[in-house]
Amino acid sequence: MTREDVTAILERVRTWPDERQEDLAQIALQLEQQDQAEYSLTDEQVRQVQHIREQVRAGMIASDDEIAALWKKCGL
């Protein structure tokens, strides 16, 4: 992505509803914080996280609510 692409995207963001702009601002702040973190993931760890995220999106990993319902069903 070029600098011009980023500029165009940011210009469009100004037309978004305030709530969506706030969402994007929070994401940007989180990205900044990640850059300042003392710890960073190895390339292998990044691949593992990406794999898990793909599994979550595909519905292959149960949600917290699903796990809680399973424990309840088992009487635990």
PDB file of N, CA and C in Angstrom:
ATOM      1  N   MET A   1       0.852  -1.166   0.000  1.00  0.00           N
ATOM      2  CA  MET A   1       0.000   0.000   0.000  1.00  0.00           C
ATOM      3  C   MET A   1       0.900   1.232   0.000  1.00  0.00           C
ATOM      4  N   THR A   2       0.565   2.158  -0.846  1.00  0.00           N
ATOM      5  CA  THR A   2       1.381   3.364  -0.952  1.00  0.00           C
ATOM      6  C   THR A   2       0.937   4.422   0.054  1.00  0.00           C
ATOM      7  N   ARG A   3       1.782   5.417   0.235  1.00  0.00           N
ATOM      8  CA  ARG A   3       1.444   6.536   1.118  1.00  0.00           C
ATOM      9  C   ARG A   3       0.176   7.237   0.626  1.00  0.00           C
ATOM     10  N   GLU A   4       0.030   7.319  -0.699  1.00  0.00           N
ATOM     11  CA  GLU A   4      -1.161   7.952  -1.274  1.00  0.00           C
ATOM     12  C   GLU A   4      -2.417   7.142  -0.934  1.00  0.00           C
ATOM     13  N   ASP A   5      -2.308   5.810  -0.943  1.00  0.00           N
ATOM     14  CA  ASP A   5      -3.435   4.953  -0.570  1.00  0.00           C
ATOM     15  C   ASP A   5      -3.849   5.213   0.869  1.00  0.00           C
ATOM     16  N   VAL A   6      -2.863   5.289   1.741  1.00  0.00           N
ATOM     17  CA  VAL A   6      -3.148   5.531   3.163  1.00  0.00           C
ATOM     18  C   VAL A   6      -3.813   6.896   3.342  1.00  0.00           C
ATOM     19  N   THR A   7      -3.299   7.893   2.647  1.00  0.00           N
ATOM     20  CA  THR A   7      -3.882   9.235   2.738  1.00  0.00           C
ATOM     21  C   THR A   7      -5.331   9.224   2.268  1.00  0.00           C
ATOM     22  N   ALA A   8      -5.610   8.515   1.177  1.00  0.00           N
ATOM     23  CA  ALA A   8      -6.978   8.445   0.651  1.00  0.00           C
ATOM     24  C   ALA A   8      -7.904   7.756   1.654  1.00  0.00           C
ATOM     25  N   ILE A   9      -7.427   6.708   2.269  1.00  0.00           N
ATOM     26  CA  ILE A   9      -8.236   6.002   3.265  1.00  0.00           C
ATOM     27  C   ILE A   9      -8.535   6.921   4.441  1.00  0.00           C
ATOM     28  N   LEU A  10      -7.512   7.608   4.932  1.00  0.00           N
ATOM     29  CA  LEU A  10      -7.712   8.497   6.069  1.00  0.00           C
ATOM     30  C   LEU A  10      -8.670   9.636   5.731  1.00  0.00           C
ATOM     31  N   GLU A  11      -8.653  10.105   4.504  1.00  0.00           N
ATOM     32  CA  GLU A  11      -9.604  11.141   4.090  1.00  0.00           C
ATOM     33  C   GLU A  11     -11.027  10.588   4.129  1.00  0.00           C
ATOM     34  N   ARG A  12     -11.214   9.335   3.694  1.00  0.00           N
ATOM     35  CA  ARG A  12     -12.554   8.732   3.737  1.00  0.00           C
ATOM     36  C   ARG A  12     -13.018   8.534   5.172  1.00  0.00           C
ATOM     37  N   VAL A  13     -12.084   8.237   6.068  1.00  0.00           N
ATOM     38  CA  VAL A  13     -12.440   8.027   7.476  1.00  0.00           C
ATOM     39  C   VAL A  13     -13.144   9.260   8.030  1.00  0.00           C
ATOM     40  N   ARG A  14     -12.761  10.438   7.582  1.00  0.00           N
ATOM     41  CA  ARG A  14     -13.374  11.684   8.070  1.00  0.00           C
ATOM     42  C   ARG A  14     -14.869  11.746   7.768  1.00  0.00           C
ATOM     43  N   THR A  15     -15.331  10.939   6.813  1.00  0.00           N
ATOM     44  CA  THR A  15     -16.759  10.938   6.465  1.00  0.00           C
ATOM     45  C   THR A  15     -17.534   9.877   7.253  1.00  0.00           C
ATOM     46  N   TRP A  16     -16.833   9.055   8.003  1.00  0.00           N
ATOM     47  CA  TRP A  16     -17.480   7.994   8.777  1.00  0.00           C
ATOM     48  C   TRP A  16     -18.217   8.594   9.970  1.00  0.00           C
ATOM     49  N   PRO A  17     -19.194   7.855  10.493  1.00  0.00           N
ATOM     50  CA  PRO A  17     -19.839   8.298  11.740  1.00  0.00           C
ATOM     51  C   PRO A  17     -18.811   8.383  12.874  1.00  0.00           C
ATOM     52  N   ASP A  18     -19.082   9.254  13.837  1.00  0.00           N
ATOM     53  CA  ASP A  18     -18.150   9.480  14.942  1.00  0.00           C
ATOM     54  C   ASP A  18     -17.768   8.174  15.655  1.00  0.00           C
ATOM     55  N   GLU A  19     -18.748   7.304  15.857  1.00  0.00           N
ATOM     56  CA  GLU A  19     -18.480   6.048  16.575  1.00  0.00           C
ATOM     57  C   GLU A  19     -17.455   5.189  15.834  1.00  0.00           C
ATOM     58  N   ARG A  20     -17.569   5.120  14.504  1.00  0.00           N
ATOM     59  CA  ARG A  20     -16.613   4.329  13.725  1.00  0.00           C
ATOM     60  C   ARG A  20     -15.230   4.979  13.743  1.00  0.00           C
ATOM     61  N   GLN A  21     -15.191   6.311  13.719  1.00  0.00           N
ATOM     62  CA  GLN A  21     -13.899   6.992  13.802  1.00  0.00           C
ATOM     63  C   GLN A  21     -13.234   6.690  15.140  1.00  0.00           C
ATOM     64  N   GLU A  22     -14.029   6.661  16.211  1.00  0.00           N
ATOM     65  CA  GLU A  22     -13.504   6.327  17.540  1.00  0.00           C
ATOM     66  C   GLU A  22     -12.956   4.904  17.550  1.00  0.00           C
ATOM     67  N   ASP A  23     -13.676   3.970  16.912  1.00  0.00           N
ATOM     68  CA  ASP A  23     -13.200   2.587  16.822  1.00  0.00           C
ATOM     69  C   ASP A  23     -11.827   2.530  16.163  1.00  0.00           C
ATOM     70  N   LEU A  24     -11.692   3.237  15.056  1.00  0.00           N
ATOM     71  CA  LEU A  24     -10.420   3.241  14.338  1.00  0.00           C
ATOM     72  C   LEU A  24      -9.316   3.882  15.174  1.00  0.00           C
ATOM     73  N   ALA A  25      -9.649   4.950  15.892  1.00  0.00           N
ATOM     74  CA  ALA A  25      -8.664   5.603  16.749  1.00  0.00           C
ATOM     75  C   ALA A  25      -8.175   4.643  17.833  1.00  0.00           C
ATOM     76  N   GLN A  26      -9.089   3.866  18.415  1.00  0.00           N
ATOM     77  CA  GLN A  26      -8.702   2.896  19.448  1.00  0.00           C
ATOM     78  C   GLN A  26      -7.783   1.820  18.863  1.00  0.00           C
ATOM     79  N   ILE A  27      -8.080   1.363  17.663  1.00  0.00           N
ATOM     80  CA  ILE A  27      -7.229   0.369  17.008  1.00  0.00           C
ATOM     81  C   ILE A  27      -5.840   0.954  16.758  1.00  0.00           C
ATOM     82  N   ALA A  28      -5.800   2.192  16.278  1.00  0.00           N
ATOM     83  CA  ALA A  28      -4.511   2.839  16.015  1.00  0.00           C
ATOM     84  C   ALA A  28      -3.694   2.964  17.294  1.00  0.00           C
ATOM     85  N   LEU A  29      -4.358   3.313  18.402  1.00  0.00           N
ATOM     86  CA  LEU A  29      -3.651   3.420  19.685  1.00  0.00           C
ATOM     87  C   LEU A  29      -3.111   2.060  20.129  1.00  0.00           C
ATOM     88  N   GLN A  30      -3.878   1.014  19.909  1.00  0.00           N
ATOM     89  CA  GLN A  30      -3.415  -0.329  20.260  1.00  0.00           C
ATOM     90  C   GLN A  30      -2.190  -0.715  19.431  1.00  0.00           C
ATOM     91  N   LEU A  31      -2.197  -0.367  18.156  1.00  0.00           N
ATOM     92  CA  LEU A  31      -1.042  -0.653  17.305  1.00  0.00           C
ATOM     93  C   LEU A  31       0.194   0.091  17.805  1.00  0.00           C
ATOM     94  N   GLU A  32       0.011   1.346  18.203  1.00  0.00           N
ATOM     95  CA  GLU A  32       1.128   2.114  18.753  1.00  0.00           C
ATOM     96  C   GLU A  32       1.676   1.457  20.013  1.00  0.00           C
ATOM     97  N   GLN A  33       0.770   1.020  20.879  1.00  0.00           N
ATOM     98  CA  GLN A  33       1.192   0.369  22.121  1.00  0.00           C
ATOM     99  C   GLN A  33       1.969  -0.908  21.831  1.00  0.00           C
ATOM    100  N   GLN A  34       1.552  -1.649  20.824  1.00  0.00           N
ATOM    101  CA  GLN A  34       2.264  -2.877  20.465  1.00  0.00           C
ATOM    102  C   GLN A  34       3.696  -2.561  20.051  1.00  0.00           C
ATOM    103  N   ASP A  35       3.869  -1.459  19.333  1.00  0.00           N
ATOM    104  CA  ASP A  35       5.211  -1.073  18.896  1.00  0.00           C
ATOM    105  C   ASP A  35       6.107  -0.701  20.066  1.00  0.00           C
ATOM    106  N   GLN A  36       5.507  -0.273  21.178  1.00  0.00           N
ATOM    107  CA  GLN A  36       6.274   0.152  22.337  1.00  0.00           C
ATOM    108  C   GLN A  36       6.447  -0.970  23.359  1.00  0.00           C
ATOM    109  N   ALA A  37       5.843  -2.120  23.101  1.00  0.00           N
ATOM    110  CA  ALA A  37       5.903  -3.230  24.057  1.00  0.00           C
ATOM    111  C   ALA A  37       7.325  -3.763  24.172  1.00  0.00           C
ATOM    112  N   GLU A  38       7.645  -4.249  25.355  1.00  0.00           N
ATOM    113  CA  GLU A  38       8.968  -4.828  25.584  1.00  0.00           C
ATOM    114  C   GLU A  38       9.106  -6.185  24.910  1.00  0.00           C
ATOM    115  N   TYR A  39       7.989  -6.847  24.686  1.00  0.00           N
ATOM    116  CA  TYR A  39       8.009  -8.193  24.134  1.00  0.00           C
ATOM    117  C   TYR A  39       7.487  -8.171  22.708  1.00  0.00           C
ATOM    118  N   SER A  40       7.991  -9.062  21.893  1.00  0.00           N
ATOM    119  CA  SER A  40       7.475  -9.212  20.544  1.00  0.00           C
ATOM    120  C   SER A  40       7.438 -10.694  20.205  1.00  0.00           C
ATOM    121  N   LEU A  41       6.560 -11.039  19.294  1.00  0.00           N
ATOM    122  CA  LEU A  41       6.409 -12.431  18.900  1.00  0.00           C
ATOM    123  C   LEU A  41       7.450 -12.802  17.858  1.00  0.00           C
ATOM    124  N   THR A  42       7.855 -14.050  17.893  1.00  0.00           N
ATOM    125  CA  THR A  42       8.718 -14.557  16.834  1.00  0.00           C
ATOM    126  C   THR A  42       7.864 -14.779  15.589  1.00  0.00           C
ATOM    127  N   ASP A  43       8.499 -14.984  14.461  1.00  0.00           N
ATOM    128  CA  ASP A  43       7.753 -15.258  13.233  1.00  0.00           C
ATOM    129  C   ASP A  43       6.884 -16.497  13.395  1.00  0.00           C
ATOM    130  N   GLU A  44       7.386 -17.511  14.061  1.00  0.00           N
ATOM    131  CA  GLU A  44       6.620 -18.732  14.290  1.00  0.00           C
ATOM    132  C   GLU A  44       5.406 -18.453  15.172  1.00  0.00           C
ATOM    133  N   GLN A  45       5.571 -17.659  16.203  1.00  0.00           N
ATOM    134  CA  GLN A  45       4.446 -17.314  17.070  1.00  0.00           C
ATOM    135  C   GLN A  45       3.387 -16.516  16.309  1.00  0.00           C
ATOM    136  N   VAL A  46       3.823 -15.622  15.440  1.00  0.00           N
ATOM    137  CA  VAL A  46       2.887 -14.857  14.619  1.00  0.00           C
ATOM    138  C   VAL A  46       2.090 -15.812  13.734  1.00  0.00           C
ATOM    139  N   ARG A  47       2.763 -16.787  13.128  1.00  0.00           N
ATOM    140  CA  ARG A  47       2.068 -17.777  12.293  1.00  0.00           C
ATOM    141  C   ARG A  47       1.053 -18.565  13.119  1.00  0.00           C
ATOM    142  N   GLN A  48       1.421 -18.927  14.345  1.00  0.00           N
ATOM    143  CA  GLN A  48       0.501 -19.670  15.207  1.00  0.00           C
ATOM    144  C   GLN A  48      -0.736 -18.840  15.545  1.00  0.00           C
ATOM    145  N   VAL A  49      -0.525 -17.588  15.858  1.00  0.00           N
ATOM    146  CA  VAL A  49      -1.652 -16.700  16.169  1.00  0.00           C
ATOM    147  C   VAL A  49      -2.553 -16.557  14.945  1.00  0.00           C
ATOM    148  N   GLN A  50      -1.963 -16.380  13.776  1.00  0.00           N
ATOM    149  CA  GLN A  50      -2.757 -16.252  12.556  1.00  0.00           C
ATOM    150  C   GLN A  50      -3.570 -17.523  12.304  1.00  0.00           C
ATOM    151  N   HIS A  51      -2.960 -18.673  12.535  1.00  0.00           N
ATOM    152  CA  HIS A  51      -3.647 -19.953  12.354  1.00  0.00           C
ATOM    153  C   HIS A  51      -4.838 -20.067  13.308  1.00  0.00           C
ATOM    154  N   ILE A  52      -4.635 -19.711  14.552  1.00  0.00           N
ATOM    155  CA  ILE A  52      -5.713 -19.784  15.541  1.00  0.00           C
ATOM    156  C   ILE A  52      -6.831 -18.809  15.175  1.00  0.00           C
ATOM    157  N   ARG A  53      -6.473 -17.612  14.746  1.00  0.00           N
ATOM    158  CA  ARG A  53      -7.495 -16.636  14.357  1.00  0.00           C
ATOM    159  C   ARG A  53      -8.327 -17.156  13.187  1.00  0.00           C
ATOM    160  N   GLU A  54      -7.673 -17.814  12.234  1.00  0.00           N
ATOM    161  CA  GLU A  54      -8.396 -18.405  11.105  1.00  0.00           C
ATOM    162  C   GLU A  54      -9.347 -19.490  11.598  1.00  0.00           C
ATOM    163  N   GLN A  55      -8.902 -20.279  12.568  1.00  0.00           N
ATOM    164  CA  GLN A  55      -9.756 -21.329  13.115  1.00  0.00           C
ATOM    165  C   GLN A  55     -10.965 -20.723  13.828  1.00  0.00           C
ATOM    166  N   VAL A  56     -10.747 -19.650  14.555  1.00  0.00           N
ATOM    167  CA  VAL A  56     -11.852 -18.987  15.248  1.00  0.00           C
ATOM    168  C   VAL A  56     -12.857 -18.465  14.230  1.00  0.00           C
ATOM    169  N   ARG A  57     -12.363 -17.786  13.178  1.00  0.00           N
ATOM    170  CA  ARG A  57     -13.256 -17.249  12.152  1.00  0.00           C
ATOM    171  C   ARG A  57     -14.057 -18.350  11.455  1.00  0.00           C
ATOM    172  N   ALA A  58     -13.436 -19.514  11.304  1.00  0.00           N
ATOM    173  CA  ALA A  58     -14.099 -20.634  10.629  1.00  0.00           C
ATOM    174  C   ALA A  58     -15.032 -21.396  11.570  1.00  0.00           C
ATOM    175  N   GLY A  59     -15.079 -20.976  12.832  1.00  0.00           N
ATOM    176  CA  GLY A  59     -15.956 -21.641  13.790  1.00  0.00           C
ATOM    177  C   GLY A  59     -15.419 -22.967  14.285  1.00  0.00           C
ATOM    178  N   MET A  60     -14.117 -23.168  14.158  1.00  0.00           N
ATOM    179  CA  MET A  60     -13.506 -24.440  14.553  1.00  0.00           C
ATOM    180  C   MET A  60     -13.129 -24.457  16.032  1.00  0.00           C
ATOM    181  N   ILE A  61     -13.173 -23.310  16.682  1.00  0.00           N
ATOM    182  CA  ILE A  61     -12.828 -23.215  18.099  1.00  0.00           C
ATOM    183  C   ILE A  61     -14.055 -22.687  18.833  1.00  0.00           C
ATOM    184  N   ALA A  62     -14.397 -23.330  19.925  1.00  0.00           N
ATOM    185  CA  ALA A  62     -15.593 -22.960  20.685  1.00  0.00           C
ATOM    186  C   ALA A  62     -15.394 -21.629  21.399  1.00  0.00           C
ATOM    187  N   SER A  63     -16.499 -20.898  21.531  1.00  0.00           N
ATOM    188  CA  SER A  63     -16.470 -19.637  22.262  1.00  0.00           C
ATOM    189  C   SER A  63     -16.495 -19.926  23.769  1.00  0.00           C
ATOM    190  N   ASP A  64     -16.241 -18.902  24.574  1.00  0.00           N
ATOM    191  CA  ASP A  64     -16.300 -19.053  26.029  1.00  0.00           C
ATOM    192  C   ASP A  64     -17.694 -19.514  26.467  1.00  0.00           C
ATOM    193  N   ASP A  65     -18.727 -18.949  25.827  1.00  0.00           N
ATOM    194  CA  ASP A  65     -20.097 -19.341  26.177  1.00  0.00           C
ATOM    195  C   ASP A  65     -20.363 -20.809  25.852  1.00  0.00           C
ATOM    196  N   GLU A  66     -19.835 -21.267  24.718  1.00  0.00           N
ATOM    197  CA  GLU A  66     -20.019 -22.667  24.337  1.00  0.00           C
ATOM    198  C   GLU A  66     -19.310 -23.602  25.318  1.00  0.00           C
ATOM    199  N   ILE A  67     -18.122 -23.212  25.740  1.00  0.00           N
ATOM    200  CA  ILE A  67     -17.385 -24.026  26.714  1.00  0.00           C
ATOM    201  C   ILE A  67     -18.122 -24.052  28.049  1.00  0.00           C
ATOM    202  N   ALA A  68     -18.619 -22.894  28.490  1.00  0.00           N
ATOM    203  CA  ALA A  68     -19.366 -22.826  29.758  1.00  0.00           C
ATOM    204  C   ALA A  68     -20.603 -23.710  29.693  1.00  0.00           C
ATOM    205  N   ALA A  69     -21.301 -23.690  28.542  1.00  0.00           N
ATOM    206  CA  ALA A  69     -22.490 -24.549  28.398  1.00  0.00           C
ATOM    207  C   ALA A  69     -22.112 -26.013  28.449  1.00  0.00           C
ATOM    208  N   LEU A  70     -20.981 -26.376  27.870  1.00  0.00           N
ATOM    209  CA  LEU A  70     -20.521 -27.762  27.914  1.00  0.00           C
ATOM    210  C   LEU A  70     -20.219 -28.188  29.345  1.00  0.00           C
ATOM    211  N   TRP A  71     -19.494 -27.330  30.103  1.00  0.00           N
ATOM    212  CA  TRP A  71     -19.187 -27.667  31.488  1.00  0.00           C
ATOM    213  C   TRP A  71     -20.479 -27.819  32.294  1.00  0.00           C
ATOM    214  N   LYS A  72     -21.431 -26.916  32.057  1.00  0.00           N
ATOM    215  CA  LYS A  72     -22.706 -26.984  32.768  1.00  0.00           C
ATOM    216  C   LYS A  72     -23.440 -28.274  32.440  1.00  0.00           C
ATOM    217  N   LYS A  73     -23.436 -28.651  31.186  1.00  0.00           N
ATOM    218  CA  LYS A  73     -24.081 -29.897  30.747  1.00  0.00           C
ATOM    219  C   LYS A  73     -23.428 -31.111  31.423  1.00  0.00           C
ATOM    220  N   CYS A  74     -22.137 -31.021  31.649  1.00  0.00           N
ATOM    221  CA  CYS A  74     -21.407 -32.119  32.311  1.00  0.00           C
ATOM    222  C   CYS A  74     -21.507 -32.048  33.829  1.00  0.00           C
ATOM    223  N   GLY A  75     -22.197 -31.036  34.333  1.00  0.00           N
ATOM    224  CA  GLY A  75     -22.360 -30.890  35.770  1.00  0.00           C
ATOM    225  C   GLY A  75     -21.149 -30.319  36.476  1.00  0.00           C
ATOM    226  N   LEU A  76     -20.341 -29.642  35.743  1.00  0.00           N
ATOM    227  CA  LEU A  76     -19.134 -29.036  36.342  1.00  0.00           C
ATOM    228  C   LEU A  76     -19.226 -27.523  36.377  1.00  0.00           C
TER     229      LEU A  76
END
